[in-house]
Amino acid sequence: MLNAIDDTARRAGRLPRTARRRQLLDAALAVFTTQGYHAAAMDDIAEKAGVSKPVLYQHFPGKRDLYLALLDESAESLLGAVRAALASTHDNKLRVRATMRAYYTYVEDVTGAFRLVFESDFTGEPDVRARVDDVGRQCAEMIAAVISEDTGLPDAECRLLGAALAGVAQVTARTWTANANTIPREEAIDLVASLVWRGIKGVPLRESQDQQ
């Protein structure tokens, strides 16, 4: 009878595989963002998730696999936010602000997932370095594509401007959150977007475009 009760209790505590994976990723994220990759241990992650290490290893062969899965998730979150911001309007002044806002919202996430992309202590690993570099490149290329469409500038110039705008957004957003958000978010976004807009609006649009 006791064995049957124990078995029922164990079954009641089981989660579907996708839900368990999510639980483990959330626990790993909390550990990685507070301890960094190198200091984190699988024991810490299992304890945070409230599971045994064998359960953890059933889903992820090792700490590196967990980290890369979280890095990919965080990267896609930023890419999706920038993509949506650029597509949100055809008013270039508003588009600049929306793009800045995407970065500030990304770093404000209470999970701290942005640290995996912007502040990783594991970039000596080629797979991690490649992923981190790719996120920055894709963000810059998305911005460059809009600049190219609106201005008709040579590709190299559009890429340079795209990298500049993405860089300003990333560095200022990180500085803002590192300073404990002492400036209200919307005020910080307005300040930086105004600076960026004053620079980018000087780039001539195609003849068929109206200056915004």
N, C-alpha and C. Protein backbone atom coordinates (compact mmCIF):
# COMPACT_ATOMS: atom_id res chain seq x y z
N MET A 1 0.82 -1.20 0.00
CA MET A 1 0.00 0.00 0.00
C MET A 1 0.87 1.26 0.00
N LEU A 2 1.91 1.28 0.88
CA LEU A 2 2.78 2.44 0.95
C LEU A 2 3.50 2.66 -0.37
N ASN A 3 3.93 1.57 -1.01
CA ASN A 3 4.62 1.69 -2.30
C ASN A 3 3.70 2.31 -3.35
N ALA A 4 2.44 1.91 -3.31
CA ALA A 4 1.47 2.43 -4.26
C ALA A 4 1.25 3.93 -4.04
N ILE A 5 1.19 4.33 -2.76
CA ILE A 5 1.02 5.75 -2.44
C ILE A 5 2.23 6.55 -2.91
N ASP A 6 3.46 6.00 -2.64
CA ASP A 6 4.67 6.68 -3.05
C ASP A 6 4.72 6.84 -4.57
N ASP A 7 4.31 5.77 -5.28
CA ASP A 7 4.32 5.82 -6.73
C ASP A 7 3.35 6.87 -7.26
N THR A 8 2.18 6.97 -6.62
CA THR A 8 1.20 7.97 -7.02
C THR A 8 1.74 9.37 -6.81
N ALA A 9 2.42 9.57 -5.68
CA ALA A 9 2.99 10.88 -5.37
C ALA A 9 4.06 11.26 -6.38
N ARG A 10 4.88 10.26 -6.76
CA ARG A 10 5.92 10.54 -7.74
C ARG A 10 5.31 10.93 -9.07
N ARG A 11 4.25 10.20 -9.46
CA ARG A 11 3.60 10.50 -10.73
C ARG A 11 2.97 11.88 -10.72
N ALA A 12 2.40 12.25 -9.58
CA ALA A 12 1.75 13.56 -9.47
C ALA A 12 2.77 14.68 -9.61
N GLY A 13 4.03 14.39 -9.23
CA GLY A 13 5.06 15.42 -9.30
C GLY A 13 5.72 15.50 -10.66
N ARG A 14 5.41 14.61 -11.57
CA ARG A 14 6.02 14.61 -12.89
C ARG A 14 5.43 15.71 -13.76
N LEU A 15 6.31 16.31 -14.57
CA LEU A 15 5.87 17.34 -15.50
C LEU A 15 6.04 16.84 -16.93
N PRO A 16 5.22 17.32 -17.84
CA PRO A 16 5.47 17.02 -19.25
C PRO A 16 6.88 17.44 -19.62
N ARG A 17 7.46 16.80 -20.60
CA ARG A 17 8.86 17.05 -20.94
C ARG A 17 9.12 18.52 -21.27
N THR A 18 8.22 19.15 -22.01
CA THR A 18 8.44 20.56 -22.37
C THR A 18 8.38 21.46 -21.14
N ALA A 19 7.46 21.15 -20.21
CA ALA A 19 7.34 21.95 -18.99
C ALA A 19 8.56 21.76 -18.10
N ARG A 20 9.06 20.53 -18.02
CA ARG A 20 10.26 20.27 -17.23
C ARG A 20 11.47 20.99 -17.82
N ARG A 21 11.58 20.95 -19.14
CA ARG A 21 12.68 21.64 -19.80
C ARG A 21 12.64 23.13 -19.48
N ARG A 22 11.43 23.71 -19.53
CA ARG A 22 11.28 25.13 -19.23
C ARG A 22 11.70 25.42 -17.78
N GLN A 23 11.28 24.56 -16.88
CA GLN A 23 11.63 24.71 -15.47
C GLN A 23 13.16 24.70 -15.29
N LEU A 24 13.82 23.77 -15.96
CA LEU A 24 15.26 23.66 -15.84
C LEU A 24 15.98 24.87 -16.46
N LEU A 25 15.47 25.34 -17.59
CA LEU A 25 16.07 26.51 -18.22
C LEU A 25 15.92 27.75 -17.34
N ASP A 26 14.75 27.91 -16.73
CA ASP A 26 14.53 29.06 -15.85
C ASP A 26 15.46 29.01 -14.64
N ALA A 27 15.64 27.83 -14.10
CA ALA A 27 16.54 27.68 -12.95
C ALA A 27 17.98 27.96 -13.37
N ALA A 28 18.37 27.44 -14.52
CA ALA A 28 19.74 27.67 -15.01
C ALA A 28 19.98 29.15 -15.28
N LEU A 29 18.98 29.82 -15.83
CA LEU A 29 19.14 31.25 -16.11
C LEU A 29 19.39 32.02 -14.83
N ALA A 30 18.64 31.71 -13.79
CA ALA A 30 18.82 32.39 -12.51
C ALA A 30 20.23 32.17 -11.96
N VAL A 31 20.74 30.96 -12.11
CA VAL A 31 22.08 30.65 -11.61
C VAL A 31 23.16 31.32 -12.46
N PHE A 32 23.03 31.22 -13.77
CA PHE A 32 24.06 31.80 -14.66
C PHE A 32 24.13 33.32 -14.54
N THR A 33 22.99 33.97 -14.41
CA THR A 33 23.01 35.44 -14.38
C THR A 33 23.50 35.99 -13.04
N THR A 34 23.45 35.18 -12.00
CA THR A 34 23.95 35.63 -10.70
C THR A 34 25.39 35.17 -10.44
N GLN A 35 25.74 34.00 -10.95
CA GLN A 35 27.06 33.44 -10.67
C GLN A 35 28.02 33.49 -11.85
N GLY A 36 27.49 33.66 -13.07
CA GLY A 36 28.34 33.54 -14.25
C GLY A 36 28.49 32.09 -14.64
N TYR A 37 28.97 31.85 -15.85
CA TYR A 37 29.07 30.47 -16.33
C TYR A 37 30.07 29.66 -15.53
N HIS A 38 31.24 30.19 -15.33
CA HIS A 38 32.32 29.39 -14.75
C HIS A 38 32.05 29.03 -13.29
N ALA A 39 31.43 29.92 -12.54
CA ALA A 39 31.18 29.64 -11.12
C ALA A 39 29.95 28.76 -10.92
N ALA A 40 29.08 28.73 -11.89
CA ALA A 40 27.85 27.93 -11.76
C ALA A 40 28.17 26.44 -11.83
N ALA A 41 27.40 25.65 -11.10
CA ALA A 41 27.57 24.20 -11.11
C ALA A 41 26.22 23.54 -11.38
N MET A 42 26.28 22.37 -11.98
CA MET A 42 25.05 21.63 -12.25
C MET A 42 24.31 21.32 -10.95
N ASP A 43 25.04 21.14 -9.85
CA ASP A 43 24.41 20.93 -8.55
C ASP A 43 23.55 22.13 -8.17
N ASP A 44 24.08 23.33 -8.42
CA ASP A 44 23.34 24.56 -8.11
C ASP A 44 22.06 24.65 -8.92
N ILE A 45 22.16 24.29 -10.19
CA ILE A 45 21.00 24.38 -11.09
C ILE A 45 19.94 23.37 -10.70
N ALA A 46 20.38 22.15 -10.39
CA ALA A 46 19.42 21.11 -9.98
C ALA A 46 18.72 21.51 -8.69
N GLU A 47 19.49 22.06 -7.75
CA GLU A 47 18.89 22.50 -6.48
C GLU A 47 17.89 23.63 -6.71
N LYS A 48 18.27 24.58 -7.57
CA LYS A 48 17.38 25.70 -7.86
C LYS A 48 16.07 25.22 -8.49
N ALA A 49 16.17 24.20 -9.33
CA ALA A 49 14.99 23.66 -10.00
C ALA A 49 14.20 22.70 -9.12
N GLY A 50 14.81 22.26 -8.04
CA GLY A 50 14.15 21.31 -7.15
C GLY A 50 14.07 19.91 -7.73
N VAL A 51 15.12 19.54 -8.49
CA VAL A 51 15.15 18.20 -9.09
C VAL A 51 16.49 17.55 -8.75
N SER A 52 16.58 16.28 -9.04
CA SER A 52 17.85 15.58 -8.84
C SER A 52 18.75 15.82 -10.05
N LYS A 53 20.04 15.63 -9.88
CA LYS A 53 20.96 15.80 -11.01
C LYS A 53 20.66 14.84 -12.15
N PRO A 54 20.28 13.57 -11.88
CA PRO A 54 19.93 12.68 -12.99
C PRO A 54 18.79 13.23 -13.84
N VAL A 55 17.80 13.87 -13.21
CA VAL A 55 16.70 14.48 -13.97
C VAL A 55 17.25 15.60 -14.85
N LEU A 56 18.13 16.40 -14.31
CA LEU A 56 18.73 17.49 -15.07
C LEU A 56 19.50 16.95 -16.28
N TYR A 57 20.27 15.90 -16.06
CA TYR A 57 21.07 15.32 -17.14
C TYR A 57 20.22 14.59 -18.18
N GLN A 58 19.02 14.21 -17.82
CA GLN A 58 18.12 13.61 -18.81
C GLN A 58 17.75 14.62 -19.89
N HIS A 59 17.73 15.89 -19.53
CA HIS A 59 17.32 16.93 -20.48
C HIS A 59 18.50 17.65 -21.11
N PHE A 60 19.58 17.81 -20.36
CA PHE A 60 20.75 18.52 -20.86
C PHE A 60 22.01 17.75 -20.49
N PRO A 61 22.80 17.35 -21.48
CA PRO A 61 23.99 16.54 -21.21
C PRO A 61 25.01 17.24 -20.32
N GLY A 62 25.02 18.57 -20.33
CA GLY A 62 25.99 19.27 -19.51
C GLY A 62 25.69 20.74 -19.38
N LYS A 63 26.51 21.42 -18.61
CA LYS A 63 26.31 22.85 -18.32
C LYS A 63 26.41 23.68 -19.60
N ARG A 64 27.32 23.32 -20.48
CA ARG A 64 27.48 24.06 -21.73
C ARG A 64 26.22 24.01 -22.57
N ASP A 65 25.57 22.86 -22.62
CA ASP A 65 24.35 22.71 -23.41
C ASP A 65 23.23 23.60 -22.85
N LEU A 66 23.13 23.66 -21.55
CA LEU A 66 22.16 24.54 -20.91
C LEU A 66 22.43 26.00 -21.26
N TYR A 67 23.68 26.38 -21.17
CA TYR A 67 24.05 27.76 -21.43
C TYR A 67 23.75 28.15 -22.87
N LEU A 68 24.11 27.29 -23.82
CA LEU A 68 23.88 27.60 -25.23
C LEU A 68 22.39 27.69 -25.54
N ALA A 69 21.59 26.85 -24.92
CA ALA A 69 20.14 26.90 -25.13
C ALA A 69 19.58 28.23 -24.64
N LEU A 70 20.05 28.68 -23.48
CA LEU A 70 19.60 29.97 -22.94
C LEU A 70 20.11 31.14 -23.76
N LEU A 71 21.34 31.04 -24.22
CA LEU A 71 21.92 32.10 -25.06
C LEU A 71 21.11 32.26 -26.34
N ASP A 72 20.76 31.14 -26.96
CA ASP A 72 19.96 31.19 -28.19
C ASP A 72 18.59 31.81 -27.94
N GLU A 73 17.98 31.47 -26.82
CA GLU A 73 16.67 32.05 -26.48
C GLU A 73 16.77 33.56 -26.29
N SER A 74 17.77 33.99 -25.55
CA SER A 74 17.92 35.41 -25.28
C SER A 74 18.25 36.18 -26.56
N ALA A 75 19.08 35.59 -27.39
CA ALA A 75 19.42 36.23 -28.66
C ALA A 75 18.19 36.40 -29.53
N GLU A 76 17.37 35.38 -29.61
CA GLU A 76 16.17 35.46 -30.43
C GLU A 76 15.19 36.49 -29.88
N SER A 77 15.17 36.63 -28.57
CA SER A 77 14.30 37.64 -27.96
C SER A 77 14.70 39.04 -28.42
N LEU A 78 15.99 39.33 -28.41
CA LEU A 78 16.46 40.64 -28.86
C LEU A 78 16.21 40.83 -30.35
N LEU A 79 16.54 39.83 -31.13
CA LEU A 79 16.34 39.94 -32.58
C LEU A 79 14.88 40.17 -32.93
N GLY A 80 14.00 39.46 -32.25
CA GLY A 80 12.57 39.63 -32.49
C GLY A 80 12.10 41.02 -32.12
N ALA A 81 12.63 41.55 -31.02
CA ALA A 81 12.23 42.89 -30.57
C ALA A 81 12.70 43.96 -31.54
N VAL A 82 13.93 43.84 -32.04
CA VAL A 82 14.46 44.82 -33.00
C VAL A 82 13.70 44.71 -34.32
N ARG A 83 13.44 43.50 -34.75
CA ARG A 83 12.69 43.28 -36.00
C ARG A 83 11.31 43.93 -35.91
N ALA A 84 10.63 43.73 -34.79
CA ALA A 84 9.29 44.29 -34.61
C ALA A 84 9.34 45.81 -34.55
N ALA A 85 10.37 46.36 -33.90
CA ALA A 85 10.49 47.81 -33.79
C ALA A 85 10.68 48.45 -35.16
N LEU A 86 11.52 47.87 -35.97
CA LEU A 86 11.79 48.43 -37.30
C LEU A 86 10.57 48.36 -38.21
N ALA A 87 9.74 47.34 -37.98
CA ALA A 87 8.55 47.17 -38.81
C ALA A 87 7.32 47.89 -38.27
N SER A 88 7.47 48.52 -37.11
CA SER A 88 6.30 49.08 -36.42
C SER A 88 5.77 50.37 -37.04
N THR A 89 6.59 51.05 -37.83
CA THR A 89 6.18 52.34 -38.40
C THR A 89 7.06 52.66 -39.60
N HIS A 90 6.55 53.56 -40.47
CA HIS A 90 7.36 54.07 -41.57
C HIS A 90 7.87 55.48 -41.27
N ASP A 91 7.50 56.01 -40.13
CA ASP A 91 8.00 57.30 -39.68
C ASP A 91 9.39 57.05 -39.07
N ASN A 92 10.42 57.54 -39.72
CA ASN A 92 11.78 57.20 -39.30
C ASN A 92 12.14 57.72 -37.92
N LYS A 93 11.61 58.86 -37.54
CA LYS A 93 11.88 59.36 -36.19
C LYS A 93 11.30 58.41 -35.15
N LEU A 94 10.08 57.97 -35.38
CA LEU A 94 9.45 57.02 -34.46
C LEU A 94 10.14 55.66 -34.53
N ARG A 95 10.64 55.32 -35.69
CA ARG A 95 11.33 54.04 -35.86
C ARG A 95 12.62 54.01 -35.04
N VAL A 96 13.33 55.14 -35.04
CA VAL A 96 14.55 55.22 -34.23
C VAL A 96 14.20 55.03 -32.76
N ARG A 97 13.17 55.70 -32.30
CA ARG A 97 12.78 55.57 -30.89
C ARG A 97 12.35 54.15 -30.56
N ALA A 98 11.59 53.54 -31.45
CA ALA A 98 11.12 52.17 -31.21
C ALA A 98 12.29 51.20 -31.11
N THR A 99 13.30 51.43 -31.92
CA THR A 99 14.48 50.55 -31.89
C THR A 99 15.26 50.74 -30.59
N MET A 100 15.43 51.98 -30.17
CA MET A 100 16.09 52.22 -28.88
C MET A 100 15.29 51.55 -27.75
N ARG A 101 13.98 51.70 -27.85
CA ARG A 101 13.12 51.14 -26.80
C ARG A 101 13.24 49.62 -26.74
N ALA A 102 13.43 48.98 -27.89
CA ALA A 102 13.58 47.52 -27.92
C ALA A 102 14.78 47.08 -27.08
N TYR A 103 15.87 47.81 -27.19
CA TYR A 103 17.07 47.47 -26.42
C TYR A 103 16.87 47.74 -24.92
N TYR A 104 16.27 48.87 -24.59
CA TYR A 104 16.07 49.20 -23.18
C TYR A 104 15.10 48.23 -22.50
N THR A 105 14.08 47.84 -23.23
CA THR A 105 13.14 46.86 -22.68
C THR A 105 13.82 45.51 -22.49
N TYR A 106 14.68 45.17 -23.42
CA TYR A 106 15.42 43.90 -23.36
C TYR A 106 16.30 43.84 -22.11
N VAL A 107 17.04 44.90 -21.83
CA VAL A 107 17.94 44.86 -20.66
C VAL A 107 17.18 45.02 -19.35
N GLU A 108 15.94 45.52 -19.42
CA GLU A 108 15.17 45.74 -18.20
C GLU A 108 14.51 44.45 -17.71
N ASP A 109 14.48 43.42 -18.53
CA ASP A 109 13.85 42.16 -18.14
C ASP A 109 14.43 41.67 -16.82
N VAL A 110 13.57 41.40 -15.87
CA VAL A 110 14.01 41.04 -14.51
C VAL A 110 14.82 39.74 -14.48
N THR A 111 14.71 38.91 -15.50
CA THR A 111 15.47 37.65 -15.51
C THR A 111 16.96 37.89 -15.71
N GLY A 112 17.31 39.06 -16.26
CA GLY A 112 18.72 39.33 -16.53
C GLY A 112 19.28 38.56 -17.70
N ALA A 113 18.41 38.03 -18.56
CA ALA A 113 18.86 37.20 -19.69
C ALA A 113 19.77 37.96 -20.63
N PHE A 114 19.66 39.29 -20.67
CA PHE A 114 20.51 40.07 -21.57
C PHE A 114 21.99 39.87 -21.27
N ARG A 115 22.31 39.52 -20.02
CA ARG A 115 23.71 39.34 -19.65
C ARG A 115 24.37 38.22 -20.45
N LEU A 116 23.59 37.23 -20.86
CA LEU A 116 24.16 36.13 -21.63
C LEU A 116 24.65 36.62 -22.99
N VAL A 117 23.99 37.63 -23.53
CA VAL A 117 24.38 38.17 -24.85
C VAL A 117 25.38 39.31 -24.71
N PHE A 118 25.15 40.22 -23.77
CA PHE A 118 25.96 41.42 -23.67
C PHE A 118 27.12 41.32 -22.68
N GLU A 119 27.04 40.41 -21.72
CA GLU A 119 28.05 40.39 -20.65
C GLU A 119 28.52 38.99 -20.30
N SER A 120 28.54 38.11 -21.27
CA SER A 120 28.91 36.72 -21.00
C SER A 120 30.36 36.60 -20.55
N ASP A 121 30.60 35.75 -19.55
CA ASP A 121 31.96 35.47 -19.11
C ASP A 121 32.49 34.20 -19.77
N PHE A 122 31.80 33.78 -20.83
CA PHE A 122 32.13 32.50 -21.48
C PHE A 122 32.45 32.71 -22.96
N THR A 123 32.80 33.95 -23.35
CA THR A 123 33.02 34.22 -24.76
C THR A 123 34.34 33.68 -25.29
N GLY A 124 35.14 33.08 -24.41
CA GLY A 124 36.34 32.40 -24.88
C GLY A 124 35.99 31.11 -25.62
N GLU A 125 34.78 30.61 -25.41
CA GLU A 125 34.30 29.42 -26.11
C GLU A 125 33.86 29.83 -27.52
N PRO A 126 34.42 29.21 -28.56
CA PRO A 126 34.10 29.61 -29.94
C PRO A 126 32.61 29.63 -30.26
N ASP A 127 31.85 28.64 -29.78
CA ASP A 127 30.42 28.61 -30.07
C ASP A 127 29.70 29.80 -29.46
N VAL A 128 30.11 30.18 -28.26
CA VAL A 128 29.50 31.31 -27.59
C VAL A 128 29.89 32.61 -28.28
N ARG A 129 31.17 32.77 -28.58
CA ARG A 129 31.64 33.98 -29.26
C ARG A 129 30.92 34.17 -30.59
N ALA A 130 30.78 33.06 -31.33
CA ALA A 130 30.11 33.14 -32.63
C ALA A 130 28.66 33.56 -32.49
N ARG A 131 27.97 33.01 -31.49
CA ARG A 131 26.57 33.37 -31.28
C ARG A 131 26.41 34.83 -30.88
N VAL A 132 27.27 35.28 -29.96
CA VAL A 132 27.20 36.66 -29.49
C VAL A 132 27.48 37.63 -30.64
N ASP A 133 28.52 37.33 -31.41
CA ASP A 133 28.85 38.19 -32.56
C ASP A 133 27.71 38.21 -33.57
N ASP A 134 27.08 37.05 -33.75
CA ASP A 134 26.02 36.95 -34.75
C ASP A 134 24.80 37.80 -34.37
N VAL A 135 24.50 37.87 -33.08
CA VAL A 135 23.37 38.69 -32.64
C VAL A 135 23.63 40.15 -33.01
N GLY A 136 24.80 40.66 -32.67
CA GLY A 136 25.12 42.04 -33.00
C GLY A 136 25.10 42.29 -34.50
N ARG A 137 25.63 41.32 -35.25
CA ARG A 137 25.66 41.47 -36.71
C ARG A 137 24.25 41.51 -37.29
N GLN A 138 23.39 40.61 -36.82
CA GLN A 138 22.02 40.58 -37.35
C GLN A 138 21.24 41.84 -37.01
N CYS A 139 21.41 42.34 -35.80
CA CYS A 139 20.72 43.60 -35.43
C CYS A 139 21.19 44.73 -36.32
N ALA A 140 22.51 44.83 -36.50
CA ALA A 140 23.06 45.89 -37.35
C ALA A 140 22.58 45.75 -38.79
N GLU A 141 22.50 44.52 -39.28
CA GLU A 141 22.07 44.30 -40.66
C GLU A 141 20.60 44.64 -40.86
N MET A 142 19.77 44.38 -39.85
CA MET A 142 18.36 44.75 -39.97
C MET A 142 18.21 46.26 -40.06
N ILE A 143 18.97 46.96 -39.23
CA ILE A 143 18.91 48.43 -39.27
C ILE A 143 19.48 48.93 -40.59
N ALA A 144 20.58 48.33 -41.03
CA ALA A 144 21.20 48.72 -42.30
C ALA A 144 20.26 48.52 -43.48
N ALA A 145 19.46 47.48 -43.44
CA ALA A 145 18.53 47.21 -44.53
C ALA A 145 17.49 48.32 -44.66
N VAL A 146 17.03 48.84 -43.52
CA VAL A 146 16.07 49.95 -43.54
C VAL A 146 16.74 51.21 -44.07
N ILE A 147 17.95 51.48 -43.62
CA ILE A 147 18.69 52.64 -44.10
C ILE A 147 18.90 52.55 -45.61
N SER A 148 19.26 51.37 -46.08
CA SER A 148 19.48 51.18 -47.51
C SER A 148 18.21 51.43 -48.32
N GLU A 149 17.11 50.91 -47.82
CA GLU A 149 15.83 51.08 -48.52
C GLU A 149 15.43 52.55 -48.59
N ASP A 150 15.68 53.28 -47.52
CA ASP A 150 15.25 54.68 -47.46
C ASP A 150 16.22 55.65 -48.14
N THR A 151 17.50 55.30 -48.19
CA THR A 151 18.49 56.26 -48.68
C THR A 151 19.15 55.86 -49.99
N GLY A 152 19.26 54.57 -50.25
CA GLY A 152 19.97 54.13 -51.44
C GLY A 152 21.48 54.27 -51.34
N LEU A 153 21.99 54.47 -50.13
CA LEU A 153 23.43 54.56 -49.93
C LEU A 153 24.12 53.25 -50.28
N PRO A 154 25.41 53.28 -50.60
CA PRO A 154 26.14 52.04 -50.85
C PRO A 154 26.05 51.08 -49.65
N ASP A 155 26.13 49.81 -49.94
CA ASP A 155 25.95 48.79 -48.90
C ASP A 155 26.92 48.97 -47.73
N ALA A 156 28.18 49.27 -48.02
CA ALA A 156 29.17 49.41 -46.95
C ALA A 156 28.80 50.56 -46.01
N GLU A 157 28.28 51.65 -46.56
CA GLU A 157 27.90 52.78 -45.73
C GLU A 157 26.68 52.45 -44.87
N CYS A 158 25.73 51.74 -45.45
CA CYS A 158 24.54 51.34 -44.68
C CYS A 158 24.92 50.41 -43.54
N ARG A 159 25.84 49.50 -43.80
CA ARG A 159 26.28 48.57 -42.75
C ARG A 159 26.99 49.32 -41.62
N LEU A 160 27.77 50.32 -41.99
CA LEU A 160 28.48 51.09 -40.97
C LEU A 160 27.49 51.87 -40.11
N LEU A 161 26.52 52.51 -40.74
CA LEU A 161 25.50 53.24 -39.99
C LEU A 161 24.65 52.29 -39.14
N GLY A 162 24.33 51.13 -39.69
CA GLY A 162 23.55 50.15 -38.93
C GLY A 162 24.30 49.69 -37.69
N ALA A 163 25.61 49.45 -37.84
CA ALA A 163 26.43 49.04 -36.69
C ALA A 163 26.51 50.16 -35.67
N ALA A 164 26.58 51.41 -36.15
CA ALA A 164 26.66 52.55 -35.23
C ALA A 164 25.39 52.68 -34.40
N LEU A 165 24.23 52.57 -35.06
CA LEU A 165 22.98 52.71 -34.32
C LEU A 165 22.77 51.56 -33.34
N ALA A 166 23.10 50.34 -33.77
CA ALA A 166 22.96 49.19 -32.87
C ALA A 166 23.91 49.33 -31.69
N GLY A 167 25.10 49.84 -31.96
CA GLY A 167 26.08 50.02 -30.89
C GLY A 167 25.63 51.04 -29.86
N VAL A 168 25.11 52.16 -30.33
CA VAL A 168 24.60 53.18 -29.41
C VAL A 168 23.48 52.61 -28.55
N ALA A 169 22.57 51.90 -29.18
CA ALA A 169 21.44 51.31 -28.44
C ALA A 169 21.93 50.34 -27.37
N GLN A 170 22.86 49.47 -27.74
CA GLN A 170 23.33 48.46 -26.79
C GLN A 170 24.12 49.09 -25.64
N VAL A 171 25.07 49.94 -25.97
CA VAL A 171 25.95 50.50 -24.93
C VAL A 171 25.16 51.38 -23.97
N THR A 172 24.28 52.23 -24.51
CA THR A 172 23.53 53.11 -23.61
C THR A 172 22.52 52.34 -22.77
N ALA A 173 21.91 51.30 -23.34
CA ALA A 173 20.97 50.50 -22.56
C ALA A 173 21.69 49.78 -21.43
N ARG A 174 22.86 49.26 -21.71
CA ARG A 174 23.64 48.58 -20.67
C ARG A 174 24.09 49.57 -19.60
N THR A 175 24.51 50.75 -20.02
CA THR A 175 24.93 51.78 -19.06
C THR A 175 23.76 52.19 -18.17
N TRP A 176 22.61 52.34 -18.79
CA TRP A 176 21.41 52.73 -18.05
C TRP A 176 21.07 51.71 -16.97
N THR A 177 21.07 50.44 -17.33
CA THR A 177 20.70 49.43 -16.34
C THR A 177 21.81 49.23 -15.31
N ALA A 178 23.07 49.43 -15.70
CA ALA A 178 24.18 49.31 -14.74
C ALA A 178 24.13 50.41 -13.70
N ASN A 179 23.55 51.54 -14.08
CA ASN A 179 23.41 52.67 -13.14
C ASN A 179 22.09 52.63 -12.39
N ALA A 180 21.54 51.43 -12.29
CA ALA A 180 20.32 51.19 -11.50
C ALA A 180 19.13 52.00 -11.99
N ASN A 181 19.10 52.24 -13.32
CA ASN A 181 17.93 52.89 -13.91
C ASN A 181 17.60 54.21 -13.21
N THR A 182 18.63 55.00 -12.89
CA THR A 182 18.39 56.24 -12.16
C THR A 182 17.60 57.26 -12.99
N ILE A 183 17.66 57.13 -14.30
CA ILE A 183 16.81 57.93 -15.19
C ILE A 183 15.62 57.07 -15.58
N PRO A 184 14.39 57.57 -15.46
CA PRO A 184 13.23 56.77 -15.89
C PRO A 184 13.42 56.27 -17.31
N ARG A 185 12.97 55.06 -17.57
CA ARG A 185 13.23 54.42 -18.86
C ARG A 185 12.81 55.28 -20.05
N GLU A 186 11.59 55.79 -20.04
CA GLU A 186 11.11 56.54 -21.19
C GLU A 186 11.91 57.82 -21.39
N GLU A 187 12.37 58.43 -20.30
CA GLU A 187 13.20 59.62 -20.43
C GLU A 187 14.55 59.27 -21.03
N ALA A 188 15.12 58.15 -20.61
CA ALA A 188 16.40 57.71 -21.15
C ALA A 188 16.27 57.40 -22.64
N ILE A 189 15.19 56.74 -23.00
CA ILE A 189 14.96 56.41 -24.41
C ILE A 189 14.81 57.67 -25.24
N ASP A 190 14.03 58.62 -24.74
CA ASP A 190 13.84 59.88 -25.45
C ASP A 190 15.17 60.61 -25.65
N LEU A 191 15.99 60.61 -24.62
CA LEU A 191 17.27 61.31 -24.66
C LEU A 191 18.17 60.71 -25.74
N VAL A 192 18.31 59.40 -25.72
CA VAL A 192 19.20 58.74 -26.67
C VAL A 192 18.61 58.76 -28.08
N ALA A 193 17.32 58.53 -28.19
CA ALA A 193 16.68 58.54 -29.51
C ALA A 193 16.81 59.92 -30.15
N SER A 194 16.71 60.97 -29.34
CA SER A 194 16.85 62.33 -29.87
C SER A 194 18.25 62.55 -30.42
N LEU A 195 19.24 62.07 -29.70
CA LEU A 195 20.63 62.19 -30.16
C LEU A 195 20.82 61.44 -31.48
N VAL A 196 20.35 60.21 -31.52
CA VAL A 196 20.51 59.39 -32.73
C VAL A 196 19.76 60.02 -33.91
N TRP A 197 18.55 60.49 -33.66
CA TRP A 197 17.74 61.05 -34.74
C TRP A 197 18.39 62.30 -35.33
N ARG A 198 18.98 63.13 -34.46
CA ARG A 198 19.64 64.35 -34.96
C ARG A 198 20.78 64.01 -35.92
N GLY A 199 21.40 62.86 -35.71
CA GLY A 199 22.46 62.44 -36.61
C GLY A 199 21.95 61.77 -37.88
N ILE A 200 21.04 60.83 -37.73
CA ILE A 200 20.61 60.03 -38.88
C ILE A 200 19.71 60.81 -39.83
N LYS A 201 19.00 61.81 -39.33
CA LYS A 201 18.09 62.53 -40.21
C LYS A 201 18.85 63.39 -41.23
N GLY A 202 20.14 63.58 -40.99
CA GLY A 202 20.94 64.33 -41.94
C GLY A 202 21.34 63.53 -43.17
N VAL A 203 21.10 62.22 -43.14
CA VAL A 203 21.41 61.38 -44.30
C VAL A 203 20.29 61.54 -45.31
N PRO A 204 20.58 62.00 -46.53
CA PRO A 204 19.51 62.25 -47.51
C PRO A 204 18.74 60.98 -47.85
N LEU A 205 17.42 61.12 -47.97
CA LEU A 205 16.58 60.02 -48.41
C LEU A 205 16.61 59.93 -49.93
N ARG A 206 16.09 58.82 -50.44
CA ARG A 206 15.91 58.72 -51.89
C ARG A 206 15.01 59.86 -52.36
N GLU A 207 15.10 60.20 -53.61
CA GLU A 207 14.30 61.30 -54.15
C GLU A 207 12.80 61.02 -54.01
N SER A 208 12.43 59.72 -54.04
CA SER A 208 11.02 59.36 -53.98
C SER A 208 10.47 59.38 -52.55
N GLN A 209 11.39 59.56 -51.59
CA GLN A 209 10.99 59.57 -50.18
C GLN A 209 10.78 61.00 -49.70
N ASP A 210 9.85 61.21 -48.83
CA ASP A 210 9.68 62.51 -48.17
C ASP A 210 10.51 62.52 -46.91
N GLN A 211 11.22 63.59 -46.63
CA GLN A 211 11.99 63.70 -45.39
C GLN A 211 11.03 63.72 -44.20
N GLN A 212 11.36 62.88 -43.20
CA GLN A 212 10.49 62.79 -42.03
C GLN A 212 11.18 63.44 -40.85
